[in-house]
Amino acid sequence: MLAGFMVLIALIQLVDVIDDLARGAFLLVPGLLVFAVVFLVGASRLFGQAVWHVDAWREPGVVRLSPAQWDSTRRSGVLLVLVICLCYNC
């Protein structure tokens, strides 16, 4: 979970780099890039492999759902969200 947050922080920093480049704040870009790379390297060490590999995000021993199970799970999730939205708006 910590590694996932580290990847999220690195992605936010990369978005910030793009924003700073668009605004012309070029002095901030090198520091933000170093910050993002350090967080990506740390996350890959916590994952035990590169962050961009799909297997890094999978938990061992977790059973994957079949497409039919996924559809029924997704439908029940959508219904739950709709019920919560309706209750919140009342």
C-alpha atoms as a PDB file:
ATOM      1  CA  MET A   1       0.000   0.000   0.000  1.00  0.00           C
ATOM      2  CA  LEU A   2       2.865   2.349   0.796  1.00  0.00           C
ATOM      3  CA  ALA A   3       4.397   1.599  -2.597  1.00  0.00           C
ATOM      4  CA  GLY A   4       1.087   2.450  -4.275  1.00  0.00           C
ATOM      5  CA  PHE A   5       0.989   5.809  -2.523  1.00  0.00           C
ATOM      6  CA  MET A   6       4.578   6.426  -3.566  1.00  0.00           C
ATOM      7  CA  VAL A   7       3.651   5.791  -7.216  1.00  0.00           C
ATOM      8  CA  LEU A   8       0.690   8.153  -6.836  1.00  0.00           C
ATOM      9  CA  ILE A   9       2.953  10.879  -5.427  1.00  0.00           C
ATOM     10  CA  ALA A  10       5.409  10.369  -8.293  1.00  0.00           C
ATOM     11  CA  LEU A  11       2.614  10.685 -10.856  1.00  0.00           C
ATOM     12  CA  ILE A  12       1.368  13.860  -9.176  1.00  0.00           C
ATOM     13  CA  GLN A  13       4.889  15.270  -9.369  1.00  0.00           C
ATOM     14  CA  LEU A  14       5.071  14.436 -13.078  1.00  0.00           C
ATOM     15  CA  VAL A  15       1.775  16.251 -13.650  1.00  0.00           C
ATOM     16  CA  ASP A  16       3.225  19.165 -11.715  1.00  0.00           C
ATOM     17  CA  VAL A  17       6.287  19.116 -13.988  1.00  0.00           C
ATOM     18  CA  ILE A  18       4.037  19.376 -17.047  1.00  0.00           C
ATOM     19  CA  ASP A  19       2.129  22.223 -15.411  1.00  0.00           C
ATOM     20  CA  ASP A  20       5.345  24.064 -14.536  1.00  0.00           C
ATOM     21  CA  LEU A  21       6.643  23.635 -18.084  1.00  0.00           C
ATOM     22  CA  ALA A  22       3.393  25.053 -19.461  1.00  0.00           C
ATOM     23  CA  ARG A  23       3.585  28.043 -17.107  1.00  0.00           C
ATOM     24  CA  GLY A  24       7.272  28.648 -17.797  1.00  0.00           C
ATOM     25  CA  ALA A  25       8.525  27.896 -14.281  1.00  0.00           C
ATOM     26  CA  PHE A  26      11.598  26.035 -15.541  1.00  0.00           C
ATOM     27  CA  LEU A  27      13.565  26.313 -12.275  1.00  0.00           C
ATOM     28  CA  LEU A  28      11.161  23.941 -10.494  1.00  0.00           C
ATOM     29  CA  VAL A  29      11.312  21.170 -13.101  1.00  0.00           C
ATOM     30  CA  PRO A  30      14.658  19.512 -12.178  1.00  0.00           C
ATOM     31  CA  GLY A  31      13.785  19.263  -8.491  1.00  0.00           C
ATOM     32  CA  LEU A  32      10.365  17.821  -9.202  1.00  0.00           C
ATOM     33  CA  LEU A  33      11.817  15.291 -11.636  1.00  0.00           C
ATOM     34  CA  VAL A  34      14.354  14.142  -9.034  1.00  0.00           C
ATOM     35  CA  PHE A  35      11.565  13.882  -6.457  1.00  0.00           C
ATOM     36  CA  ALA A  36       9.420  11.792  -8.833  1.00  0.00           C
ATOM     37  CA  VAL A  37      12.297   9.482  -9.785  1.00  0.00           C
ATOM     38  CA  VAL A  38      13.258   8.917  -6.144  1.00  0.00           C
ATOM     39  CA  PHE A  39       9.685   7.972  -5.282  1.00  0.00           C
ATOM     40  CA  LEU A  40       9.424   5.633  -8.299  1.00  0.00           C
ATOM     41  CA  VAL A  41      12.696   3.919  -7.382  1.00  0.00           C
ATOM     42  CA  GLY A  42      11.565   3.557  -3.777  1.00  0.00           C
ATOM     43  CA  ALA A  43       8.233   2.128  -4.863  1.00  0.00           C
ATOM     44  CA  SER A  44       9.897  -0.372  -7.166  1.00  0.00           C
ATOM     45  CA  ARG A  45      12.102  -1.511  -4.284  1.00  0.00           C
ATOM     46  CA  LEU A  46       9.050  -1.983  -2.068  1.00  0.00           C
ATOM     47  CA  PHE A  47       7.218  -3.865  -4.821  1.00  0.00           C
ATOM     48  CA  GLY A  48      10.295  -5.988  -5.476  1.00  0.00           C
ATOM     49  CA  GLN A  49      10.114  -5.348  -9.213  1.00  0.00           C
ATOM     50  CA  ALA A  50       9.526  -2.506 -11.640  1.00  0.00           C
ATOM     51  CA  VAL A  51       6.363  -0.522 -11.009  1.00  0.00           C
ATOM     52  CA  TRP A  52       5.168  -0.744 -14.610  1.00  0.00           C
ATOM     53  CA  HIS A  53       4.953  -4.569 -14.500  1.00  0.00           C
ATOM     54  CA  VAL A  54       1.393  -5.775 -13.915  1.00  0.00           C
ATOM     55  CA  ASP A  55       2.559  -8.504 -11.542  1.00  0.00           C
ATOM     56  CA  ALA A  56       3.873  -5.867  -9.129  1.00  0.00           C
ATOM     57  CA  TRP A  57       0.304  -4.754  -8.434  1.00  0.00           C
ATOM     58  CA  ARG A  58      -1.145  -8.227  -7.908  1.00  0.00           C
ATOM     59  CA  GLU A  59      -1.307  -9.723  -4.450  1.00  0.00           C
ATOM     60  CA  PRO A  60      -0.149 -13.332  -4.254  1.00  0.00           C
ATOM     61  CA  GLY A  61      -2.870 -15.857  -3.517  1.00  0.00           C
ATOM     62  CA  VAL A  62      -5.738 -13.642  -4.666  1.00  0.00           C
ATOM     63  CA  VAL A  63      -8.309 -15.412  -6.829  1.00  0.00           C
ATOM     64  CA  ARG A  64      -9.193 -13.525  -9.999  1.00  0.00           C
ATOM     65  CA  LEU A  65     -12.829 -13.145 -11.012  1.00  0.00           C
ATOM     66  CA  SER A  66     -14.167 -14.610 -14.230  1.00  0.00           C
ATOM     67  CA  PRO A  67     -15.861 -12.186 -16.676  1.00  0.00           C
ATOM     68  CA  ALA A  68     -19.322 -13.354 -15.548  1.00  0.00           C
ATOM     69  CA  GLN A  69     -18.446 -12.786 -11.879  1.00  0.00           C
ATOM     70  CA  TRP A  70     -16.938  -9.408 -12.736  1.00  0.00           C
ATOM     71  CA  ASP A  71     -20.142  -8.273 -14.477  1.00  0.00           C
ATOM     72  CA  SER A  72     -22.365  -9.214 -11.522  1.00  0.00           C
ATOM     73  CA  THR A  73     -19.940  -7.565  -9.077  1.00  0.00           C
ATOM     74  CA  ARG A  74     -19.832  -4.405 -11.170  1.00  0.00           C
ATOM     75  CA  ARG A  75     -23.626  -4.255 -11.410  1.00  0.00           C
ATOM     76  CA  SER A  76     -24.052  -4.599  -7.658  1.00  0.00           C
ATOM     77  CA  GLY A  77     -21.394  -1.916  -7.140  1.00  0.00           C
ATOM     78  CA  VAL A  78     -23.224   0.473  -9.461  1.00  0.00           C
ATOM     79  CA  LEU A  79     -26.475  -0.168  -7.628  1.00  0.00           C
ATOM     80  CA  LEU A  80     -24.785   0.514  -4.302  1.00  0.00           C
ATOM     81  CA  VAL A  81     -23.399   3.817  -5.576  1.00  0.00           C
ATOM     82  CA  LEU A  82     -26.830   4.824  -6.897  1.00  0.00           C
ATOM     83  CA  VAL A  83     -28.486   4.019  -3.567  1.00  0.00           C
ATOM     84  CA  ILE A  84     -25.869   6.000  -1.659  1.00  0.00           C
ATOM     85  CA  CYS A  85     -26.296   8.980  -4.035  1.00  0.00           C
ATOM     86  CA  LEU A  86     -30.061   8.879  -3.688  1.00  0.00           C
ATOM     87  CA  CYS A  87     -29.869   8.697   0.100  1.00  0.00           C
ATOM     88  CA  TYR A  88     -27.334  11.516   0.224  1.00  0.00           C
ATOM     89  CA  ASN A  89     -29.455  13.814  -1.933  1.00  0.00           C
ATOM     90  CA  CYS A  90     -32.672  13.260   0.066  1.00  0.00           C
END
